[in-house]
PDB file of all heavy atoms in Angstrom:
ATOM      1  N   ARG A   1     109.747  99.692  86.084  1.00  0.00           N
ATOM      2  CA  ARG A   1     109.441 101.064  86.453  1.00  0.00           C
ATOM      3  C   ARG A   1     108.642 101.099  87.737  1.00  0.00           C
ATOM      4  O   ARG A   1     107.742 100.290  87.940  1.00  0.00           O
ATOM      5  CB  ARG A   1     108.673 101.768  85.333  1.00  0.00           C
ATOM      6  CG  ARG A   1     109.533 102.094  84.114  1.00  0.00           C
ATOM      7  CD  ARG A   1     108.755 102.919  83.115  1.00  0.00           C
ATOM      8  NE  ARG A   1     107.727 102.128  82.469  1.00  0.00           N
ATOM      9  CZ  ARG A   1     107.918 101.397  81.382  1.00  0.00           C
ATOM     10  NH1 ARG A   1     109.116 101.357  80.814  1.00  0.00           N
ATOM     11  NH2 ARG A   1     106.924 100.715  80.854  1.00  0.00           N
ATOM     12  N   LEU A   2     108.992 102.041  88.578  1.00  0.00           N
ATOM     13  CA  LEU A   2     108.299 102.263  89.831  1.00  0.00           C
ATOM     14  C   LEU A   2     107.885 103.727  89.869  1.00  0.00           C
ATOM     15  O   LEU A   2     108.716 104.612  89.686  1.00  0.00           O
ATOM     16  CB  LEU A   2     109.191 101.951  91.036  1.00  0.00           C
ATOM     17  CG  LEU A   2     109.704 100.515  91.214  1.00  0.00           C
ATOM     18  CD1 LEU A   2     110.943 100.263  90.359  1.00  0.00           C
ATOM     19  CD2 LEU A   2     110.033 100.259  92.678  1.00  0.00           C
ATOM     20  N   VAL A   3     106.618 103.970  90.106  1.00  0.00           N
ATOM     21  CA  VAL A   3     106.085 105.320  90.094  1.00  0.00           C
ATOM     22  C   VAL A   3     105.360 105.591  91.398  1.00  0.00           C
ATOM     23  O   VAL A   3     104.326 104.976  91.674  1.00  0.00           O
ATOM     24  CB  VAL A   3     105.143 105.546  88.902  1.00  0.00           C
ATOM     25  CG1 VAL A   3     104.624 106.985  88.906  1.00  0.00           C
ATOM     26  CG2 VAL A   3     105.860 105.253  87.588  1.00  0.00           C
ATOM     27  N   GLU A   4     105.897 106.515  92.179  1.00  0.00           N
ATOM     28  CA  GLU A   4     105.290 106.894  93.443  1.00  0.00           C
ATOM     29  C   GLU A   4     104.260 108.000  93.240  1.00  0.00           C
ATOM     30  O   GLU A   4     104.371 108.803  92.314  1.00  0.00           O
ATOM     31  CB  GLU A   4     106.348 107.385  94.442  1.00  0.00           C
ATOM     32  CG  GLU A   4     107.443 106.380  94.763  1.00  0.00           C
ATOM     33  CD  GLU A   4     108.688 106.578  93.922  1.00  0.00           C
ATOM     34  OE1 GLU A   4     108.584 107.147  92.804  1.00  0.00           O
ATOM     35  OE2 GLU A   4     109.777 106.176  94.384  1.00  0.00           O
ATOM     36  N   SER A   5     103.311 108.047  94.145  1.00  0.00           N
ATOM     37  CA  SER A   5     102.326 109.117  94.147  1.00  0.00           C
ATOM     38  C   SER A   5     101.759 109.258  95.551  1.00  0.00           C
ATOM     39  O   SER A   5     101.955 108.403  96.404  1.00  0.00           O
ATOM     40  CB  SER A   5     101.204 108.852  93.144  1.00  0.00           C
ATOM     41  OG  SER A   5     100.487 107.682  93.487  1.00  0.00           O
ATOM     42  N   GLY A   6     101.058 110.340  95.780  1.00  0.00           N
ATOM     43  CA  GLY A   6     100.379 110.542  97.045  1.00  0.00           C
ATOM     44  C   GLY A   6     101.061 111.486  98.007  1.00  0.00           C
ATOM     45  O   GLY A   6     100.506 111.782  99.069  1.00  0.00           O
ATOM     46  N   GLY A   7     102.246 111.959  97.661  1.00  0.00           N
ATOM     47  CA  GLY A   7     102.920 112.912  98.526  1.00  0.00           C
ATOM     48  C   GLY A   7     102.249 114.271  98.479  1.00  0.00           C
ATOM     49  O   GLY A   7     101.343 114.514  97.682  1.00  0.00           O
ATOM     50  N   GLY A   8     102.696 115.144  99.356  1.00  0.00           N
ATOM     51  CA  GLY A   8     102.134 116.475  99.394  1.00  0.00           C
ATOM     52  C   GLY A   8     102.462 117.183 100.682  1.00  0.00           C
ATOM     53  O   GLY A   8     103.354 116.782 101.426  1.00  0.00           O
ATOM     54  N   LEU A   9     101.728 118.248 100.939  1.00  0.00           N
ATOM     55  CA  LEU A   9     101.906 119.067 102.131  1.00  0.00           C
ATOM     56  C   LEU A   9     100.840 118.713 103.151  1.00  0.00           C
ATOM     57  O   LEU A   9      99.649 118.673 102.826  1.00  0.00           O
ATOM     58  CB  LEU A   9     101.820 120.546 101.767  1.00  0.00           C
ATOM     59  CG  LEU A   9     101.914 121.553 102.909  1.00  0.00           C
ATOM     60  CD1 LEU A   9     103.290 121.486 103.564  1.00  0.00           C
ATOM     61  CD2 LEU A   9     101.631 122.957 102.393  1.00  0.00           C
ATOM     62  N   VAL A  10     101.274 118.470 104.374  1.00  0.00           N
ATOM     63  CA  VAL A  10     100.346 118.108 105.436  1.00  0.00           C
ATOM     64  C   VAL A  10     100.796 118.771 106.728  1.00  0.00           C
ATOM     65  O   VAL A  10     101.994 118.982 106.945  1.00  0.00           O
ATOM     66  CB  VAL A  10     100.267 116.577 105.595  1.00  0.00           C
ATOM     67  CG1 VAL A  10     101.615 116.001 106.004  1.00  0.00           C
ATOM     68  CG2 VAL A  10      99.190 116.177 106.586  1.00  0.00           C
ATOM     69  N   GLN A  11      99.843 119.112 107.582  1.00  0.00           N
ATOM     70  CA  GLN A  11     100.176 119.697 108.873  1.00  0.00           C
ATOM     71  C   GLN A  11     100.665 118.630 109.841  1.00  0.00           C
ATOM     72  O   GLN A  11     100.319 117.458 109.720  1.00  0.00           O
ATOM     73  CB  GLN A  11      98.958 120.401 109.470  1.00  0.00           C
ATOM     74  CG  GLN A  11      98.552 121.668 108.744  1.00  0.00           C
ATOM     75  CD  GLN A  11      97.430 122.399 109.449  1.00  0.00           C
ATOM     76  OE1 GLN A  11      96.548 121.780 110.036  1.00  0.00           O
ATOM     77  NE2 GLN A  11      97.463 123.712 109.399  1.00  0.00           N
ATOM     78  N   ALA A  12     101.473 119.054 110.788  1.00  0.00           N
ATOM     79  CA  ALA A  12     101.947 118.139 111.813  1.00  0.00           C
ATOM     80  C   ALA A  12     100.768 117.462 112.499  1.00  0.00           C
ATOM     81  O   ALA A  12      99.768 118.103 112.815  1.00  0.00           O
ATOM     82  CB  ALA A  12     102.799 118.880 112.831  1.00  0.00           C
ATOM     83  N   GLY A  13     100.908 116.163 112.708  1.00  0.00           N
ATOM     84  CA  GLY A  13      99.832 115.379 113.281  1.00  0.00           C
ATOM     85  C   GLY A  13      98.902 114.766 112.268  1.00  0.00           C
ATOM     86  O   GLY A  13      98.085 113.907 112.618  1.00  0.00           O
ATOM     87  N   GLY A  14      99.030 115.166 111.028  1.00  0.00           N
ATOM     88  CA  GLY A  14      98.182 114.661 109.980  1.00  0.00           C
ATOM     89  C   GLY A  14      98.680 113.357 109.399  1.00  0.00           C
ATOM     90  O   GLY A  14      99.668 112.784 109.859  1.00  0.00           O
ATOM     91  N   SER A  15      98.002 112.914 108.360  1.00  0.00           N
ATOM     92  CA  SER A  15      98.304 111.630 107.742  1.00  0.00           C
ATOM     93  C   SER A  15      98.394 111.753 106.228  1.00  0.00           C
ATOM     94  O   SER A  15      97.772 112.627 105.619  1.00  0.00           O
ATOM     95  CB  SER A  15      97.227 110.600 108.081  1.00  0.00           C
ATOM     96  OG  SER A  15      97.150 110.363 109.470  1.00  0.00           O
ATOM     97  N   LEU A  16      99.164 110.865 105.653  1.00  0.00           N
ATOM     98  CA  LEU A  16      99.257 110.720 104.210  1.00  0.00           C
ATOM     99  C   LEU A  16      99.431 109.249 103.884  1.00  0.00           C
ATOM    100  O   LEU A  16     100.000 108.490 104.673  1.00  0.00           O
ATOM    101  CB  LEU A  16     100.445 111.486 103.630  1.00  0.00           C
ATOM    102  CG  LEU A  16     100.327 112.988 103.413  1.00  0.00           C
ATOM    103  CD1 LEU A  16     101.666 113.536 102.920  1.00  0.00           C
ATOM    104  CD2 LEU A  16      99.232 113.306 102.404  1.00  0.00           C
ATOM    105  N   ASN A  17      98.958 108.871 102.722  1.00  0.00           N
ATOM    106  CA  ASN A  17      99.201 107.543 102.200  1.00  0.00           C
ATOM    107  C   ASN A  17      99.870 107.678 100.847  1.00  0.00           C
ATOM    108  O   ASN A  17      99.291 108.268  99.929  1.00  0.00           O
ATOM    109  CB  ASN A  17      97.896 106.753 102.072  1.00  0.00           C
ATOM    110  CG  ASN A  17      98.124 105.314 101.647  1.00  0.00           C
ATOM    111  OD1 ASN A  17      98.275 105.013 100.460  1.00  0.00           O
ATOM    112  ND2 ASN A  17      98.169 104.421 102.625  1.00  0.00           N
ATOM    113  N   VAL A  18     101.077 107.181 100.745  1.00  0.00           N
ATOM    114  CA  VAL A  18     101.782 107.206  99.479  1.00  0.00           C
ATOM    115  C   VAL A  18     101.744 105.816  98.862  1.00  0.00           C
ATOM    116  O   VAL A  18     101.682 104.809  99.568  1.00  0.00           O
ATOM    117  CB  VAL A  18     103.239 107.698  99.623  1.00  0.00           C
ATOM    118  CG1 VAL A  18     103.259 109.161 100.038  1.00  0.00           C
ATOM    119  CG2 VAL A  18     104.006 106.858 100.641  1.00  0.00           C
ATOM    120  N   SER A  19     101.776 105.771  97.559  1.00  0.00           N
ATOM    121  CA  SER A  19     101.702 104.499  96.865  1.00  0.00           C
ATOM    122  C   SER A  19     102.766 104.421  95.787  1.00  0.00           C
ATOM    123  O   SER A  19     103.343 105.428  95.382  1.00  0.00           O
ATOM    124  CB  SER A  19     100.314 104.280  96.260  1.00  0.00           C
ATOM    125  OG  SER A  19     100.009 105.275  95.304  1.00  0.00           O
ATOM    126  N   CYS A  20     103.010 103.213  95.335  1.00  0.00           N
ATOM    127  CA  CYS A  20     104.016 102.949  94.315  1.00  0.00           C
ATOM    128  C   CYS A  20     103.485 101.860  93.397  1.00  0.00           C
ATOM    129  O   CYS A  20     103.200 100.746  93.855  1.00  0.00           O
ATOM    130  CB  CYS A  20     105.326 102.515  94.978  1.00  0.00           C
ATOM    131  SG  CYS A  20     106.597 101.906  93.855  1.00  0.00           S
ATOM    132  N   VAL A  21     103.344 102.180  92.133  1.00  0.00           N
ATOM    133  CA  VAL A  21     102.905 101.216  91.137  1.00  0.00           C
ATOM    134  C   VAL A  21     104.124 100.695  90.394  1.00  0.00           C
ATOM    135  O   VAL A  21     104.930 101.478  89.885  1.00  0.00           O
ATOM    136  CB  VAL A  21     101.896 101.833  90.157  1.00  0.00           C
ATOM    137  CG1 VAL A  21     101.506 100.815  89.088  1.00  0.00           C
ATOM    138  CG2 VAL A  21     100.665 102.317  90.902  1.00  0.00           C
ATOM    139  N   VAL A  22     104.254  99.390  90.319  1.00  0.00           N
ATOM    140  CA  VAL A  22     105.406  98.743  89.715  1.00  0.00           C
ATOM    141  C   VAL A  22     104.989  98.050  88.433  1.00  0.00           C
ATOM    142  O   VAL A  22     103.994  97.331  88.397  1.00  0.00           O
ATOM    143  CB  VAL A  22     106.039  97.718  90.676  1.00  0.00           C
ATOM    144  CG1 VAL A  22     107.303  97.125  90.065  1.00  0.00           C
ATOM    145  CG2 VAL A  22     106.340  98.362  92.018  1.00  0.00           C
ATOM    146  N   SER A  23     105.763  98.251  87.392  1.00  0.00           N
ATOM    147  CA  SER A  23     105.472  97.611  86.119  1.00  0.00           C
ATOM    148  C   SER A  23     105.949  96.167  86.112  1.00  0.00           C
ATOM    149  O   SER A  23     106.795  95.767  86.916  1.00  0.00           O
ATOM    150  CB  SER A  23     106.129  98.385  84.975  1.00  0.00           C
ATOM    151  OG  SER A  23     107.548  98.324  85.073  1.00  0.00           O
ATOM    152  N   GLY A  24     105.406  95.387  85.199  1.00  0.00           N
ATOM    153  CA  GLY A  24     105.819  94.016  85.049  1.00  0.00           C
ATOM    154  C   GLY A  24     104.893  93.035  85.742  1.00  0.00           C
ATOM    155  O   GLY A  24     104.041  93.420  86.555  1.00  0.00           O
ATOM    156  N   ARG A  25     105.105  91.766  85.424  1.00  0.00           N
ATOM    157  CA  ARG A  25     104.259  90.705  85.963  1.00  0.00           C
ATOM    158  C   ARG A  25     104.878  89.982  87.143  1.00  0.00           C
ATOM    159  O   ARG A  25     104.254  89.059  87.676  1.00  0.00           O
ATOM    160  CB  ARG A  25     103.953  89.689  84.857  1.00  0.00           C
ATOM    161  CG  ARG A  25     103.158  90.236  83.690  1.00  0.00           C
ATOM    162  CD  ARG A  25     102.960  89.181  82.632  1.00  0.00           C
ATOM    163  NE  ARG A  25     104.223  88.801  82.001  1.00  0.00           N
ATOM    164  CZ  ARG A  25     104.370  87.800  81.143  1.00  0.00           C
ATOM    165  NH1 ARG A  25     103.313  87.072  80.804  1.00  0.00           N
ATOM    166  NH2 ARG A  25     105.563  87.534  80.621  1.00  0.00           N
ATOM    167  N   THR A  26     106.099  90.390  87.565  1.00  0.00           N
ATOM    168  CA  THR A  26     106.816  89.698  88.623  1.00  0.00           C
ATOM    169  C   THR A  26     106.858  90.476  89.928  1.00  0.00           C
ATOM    170  O   THR A  26     107.701  90.218  90.780  1.00  0.00           O
ATOM    171  CB  THR A  26     108.252  89.368  88.185  1.00  0.00           C
ATOM    172  OG1 THR A  26     108.954  90.585  87.888  1.00  0.00           O
ATOM    173  CG2 THR A  26     108.240  88.473  86.963  1.00  0.00           C
ATOM    174  N   PHE A  27     105.953  91.418  90.094  1.00  0.00           N
ATOM    175  CA  PHE A  27     105.912  92.218  91.305  1.00  0.00           C
ATOM    176  C   PHE A  27     105.866  91.363  92.561  1.00  0.00           C
ATOM    177  O   PHE A  27     106.546  91.638  93.545  1.00  0.00           O
ATOM    178  CB  PHE A  27     104.706  93.158  91.251  1.00  0.00           C
ATOM    179  CG  PHE A  27     104.462  93.928  92.512  1.00  0.00           C
ATOM    180  CD1 PHE A  27     105.265  94.999  92.854  1.00  0.00           C
ATOM    181  CD2 PHE A  27     103.411  93.594  93.350  1.00  0.00           C
ATOM    182  CE1 PHE A  27     105.037  95.724  94.013  1.00  0.00           C
ATOM    183  CE2 PHE A  27     103.168  94.311  94.506  1.00  0.00           C
ATOM    184  CZ  PHE A  27     103.984  95.378  94.837  1.00  0.00           C
ATOM    185  N   SER A  28     105.087  90.315  92.543  1.00  0.00           N
ATOM    186  CA  SER A  28     104.879  89.490  93.728  1.00  0.00           C
ATOM    187  C   SER A  28     106.075  88.641  94.118  1.00  0.00           C
ATOM    188  O   SER A  28     106.082  88.052  95.196  1.00  0.00           O
ATOM    189  CB  SER A  28     103.652  88.595  93.535  1.00  0.00           C
ATOM    190  OG  SER A  28     103.849  87.684  92.467  1.00  0.00           O
ATOM    191  N   ARG A  29     107.100  88.571  93.289  1.00  0.00           N
ATOM    192  CA  ARG A  29     108.265  87.744  93.572  1.00  0.00           C
ATOM    193  C   ARG A  29     109.339  88.466  94.376  1.00  0.00           C
ATOM    194  O   ARG A  29     110.349  87.851  94.735  1.00  0.00           O
ATOM    195  CB  ARG A  29     108.881  87.230  92.267  1.00  0.00           C
ATOM    196  CG  ARG A  29     107.990  86.278  91.495  1.00  0.00           C
ATOM    197  CD  ARG A  29     108.704  85.768  90.257  1.00  0.00           C
ATOM    198  NE  ARG A  29     107.875  84.843  89.494  1.00  0.00           N
ATOM    199  CZ  ARG A  29     107.851  83.535  89.682  1.00  0.00           C
ATOM    200  NH1 ARG A  29     108.622  82.979  90.615  1.00  0.00           N
ATOM    201  NH2 ARG A  29     107.062  82.770  88.946  1.00  0.00           N
ATOM    202  N   TYR A  30     109.153  89.734  94.663  1.00  0.00           N
ATOM    203  CA  TYR A  30     110.184  90.527  95.304  1.00  0.00           C
ATOM    204  C   TYR A  30     109.685  91.200  96.559  1.00  0.00           C
ATOM    205  O   TYR A  30     108.546  91.654  96.633  1.00  0.00           O
ATOM    206  CB  TYR A  30     110.702  91.607  94.348  1.00  0.00           C
ATOM    207  CG  TYR A  30     111.288  91.074  93.067  1.00  0.00           C
ATOM    208  CD1 TYR A  30     110.501  90.910  91.936  1.00  0.00           C
ATOM    209  CD2 TYR A  30     112.634  90.734  92.997  1.00  0.00           C
ATOM    210  CE1 TYR A  30     111.039  90.419  90.758  1.00  0.00           C
ATOM    211  CE2 TYR A  30     113.175  90.245  91.824  1.00  0.00           C
ATOM    212  CZ  TYR A  30     112.376  90.091  90.705  1.00  0.00           C
ATOM    213  OH  TYR A  30     112.922  89.615  89.545  1.00  0.00           O
ATOM    214  N   ALA A  31     110.589  91.271  97.538  1.00  0.00           N
ATOM    215  CA  ALA A  31     110.345  92.162  98.654  1.00  0.00           C
ATOM    216  C   ALA A  31     110.360  93.611  98.156  1.00  0.00           C
ATOM    217  O   ALA A  31     110.986  93.920  97.137  1.00  0.00           O
ATOM    218  CB  ALA A  31     111.407  91.969  99.728  1.00  0.00           C
TER     219      ALA A  31
END
């Protein structure tokens, strides 16, 4: 499972940081 978060509404020129949490113990084995 992959769950994104951090999106939203922002004005032009602004910044956002989105993240994705991945389930399982093998996250580090994949691009």
